Protein backbone atom coordinates (compact mmCIF):
# COMPACT_ATOMS: atom_id res chain seq x y z
CA MET A 1 25.58 22.02 -5.08
CA ARG A 2 27.51 20.48 -2.61
CA ILE A 3 28.23 22.70 0.83
CA ALA A 4 32.07 22.93 1.88
CA GLY A 5 33.51 23.96 5.86
CA LEU A 6 31.69 21.52 7.60
CA GLU A 7 33.93 19.98 10.81
CA ASN A 8 35.73 16.53 10.21
CA TYR A 9 32.85 14.70 12.49
CA VAL A 10 29.93 15.70 9.65
CA THR A 11 29.57 12.43 8.49
CA VAL A 12 27.33 12.86 5.58
CA PRO A 13 27.49 15.35 2.58
CA ALA A 14 25.72 18.43 2.92
CA PHE A 15 24.16 20.18 -0.01
CA ILE A 16 22.16 23.43 -1.08
CA ILE A 17 19.46 23.36 -4.27
CA LYS A 18 18.85 26.74 -5.65
CA LYS A 19 16.77 26.41 -8.23
CA PHE A 20 13.58 25.08 -8.25
CA ARG A 21 9.89 25.82 -9.79
CA CYS A 22 8.02 27.62 -6.68
CA GLU A 23 4.21 27.82 -8.49
CA GLY A 24 2.88 29.59 -4.67
CA ILE A 25 4.32 32.67 -5.63
CA ASN A 26 5.00 32.31 -9.64
CA LYS A 27 8.18 32.58 -9.65
CA GLY A 28 9.56 29.64 -12.01
CA VAL A 29 13.01 28.30 -10.67
CA ASN A 30 14.51 31.53 -9.94
CA SER A 31 12.12 31.83 -6.80
CA GLY A 32 14.96 32.64 -4.39
CA PHE A 33 14.33 30.18 -2.40
CA ARG A 34 16.98 27.48 -0.79
CA ILE A 35 17.15 23.87 0.59
CA THR A 36 19.43 22.78 2.75
CA PHE A 37 19.76 19.02 2.88
CA LEU A 38 22.08 15.88 3.61
CA PHE A 39 22.53 12.93 2.00
CA ASP A 40 23.16 9.54 3.16
CA LYS A 41 23.99 7.35 0.40
CA GLU A 42 24.39 4.05 2.81
CA GLU A 43 20.95 4.59 3.74
CA SER A 44 19.52 5.99 0.86
CA LYS A 45 17.68 9.21 2.91
CA PHE A 46 17.59 12.51 2.75
CA ILE A 47 17.80 14.81 5.92
CA PHE A 48 16.13 18.27 5.34
CA VAL A 49 18.11 20.31 7.73
CA GLU A 50 16.02 24.39 6.60
CA LEU A 51 14.41 26.02 4.02
CA PHE A 52 15.14 29.85 3.33
CA HIS A 53 14.61 32.37 1.07
CA LYS A 54 18.10 34.47 -0.31
CA ASN A 55 17.13 37.60 0.16
CA LYS A 56 16.87 36.89 3.82
CA LYS A 57 19.66 34.43 4.58
CA LYS A 58 22.52 34.39 2.12
CA ILE A 59 24.20 31.21 2.72
CA PRO A 60 23.25 28.06 4.73
CA ASP A 61 23.59 27.39 8.52
CA LYS A 62 26.94 25.59 8.68
CA LYS A 63 26.38 26.09 12.54
CA ARG A 64 23.24 24.08 12.57
CA ILE A 65 24.43 21.40 10.22
CA ASN A 66 27.72 20.83 12.31
CA GLU A 67 25.35 21.08 15.73
CA LEU A 68 23.29 17.60 14.05
CA PHE A 69 26.00 15.81 14.67
CA VAL A 70 27.42 17.35 18.10
CA LYS A 71 24.35 16.08 19.16
CA GLU A 72 24.04 13.01 17.28
CA ILE A 73 28.16 11.77 19.09
CA GLU A 74 26.63 12.75 22.42
CA ILE A 75 23.45 10.86 22.04
CA ASP A 76 25.93 8.08 20.85
CA ASP A 77 28.10 8.66 24.30
CA GLU A 78 25.44 8.66 26.69
CA LEU A 79 23.96 5.18 25.15
CA TYR A 80 27.78 3.67 25.80
CA ASP A 81 28.03 4.99 29.27
CA TYR A 82 24.42 3.81 30.24
CA GLU A 83 25.49 0.21 28.68
CA GLU A 84 28.51 0.09 30.48
CA GLU A 85 27.04 0.94 34.31
CA TYR A 86 24.69 -1.54 32.87
CA LEU A 87 27.04 -3.77 32.44
CA ASN A 88 28.99 -3.29 35.27
CA SER A 89 26.08 -3.67 37.58
CA CYS A 90 25.35 -7.20 36.39
CA GLN A 91 29.06 -8.73 37.85
């Protein structure tokens, strides 16, 4: 199921898997565990976000997903600033 309500700067879709078999607790597909992940179709990769149990937490952590992209933006900005500083020093 796709997760809605994320910020505009989240550039790849986020999903939650609710039904999968967990042999460790012998519960079958109704184990109660949830996996949250991002799927980057262009790079064909999954990005793990979190694993939780429905009794401990009801919904995925949207704030955490949003923060993943804020940190990426900040890193890109830092690289840009460093590159600009470097180019100015070469003149």
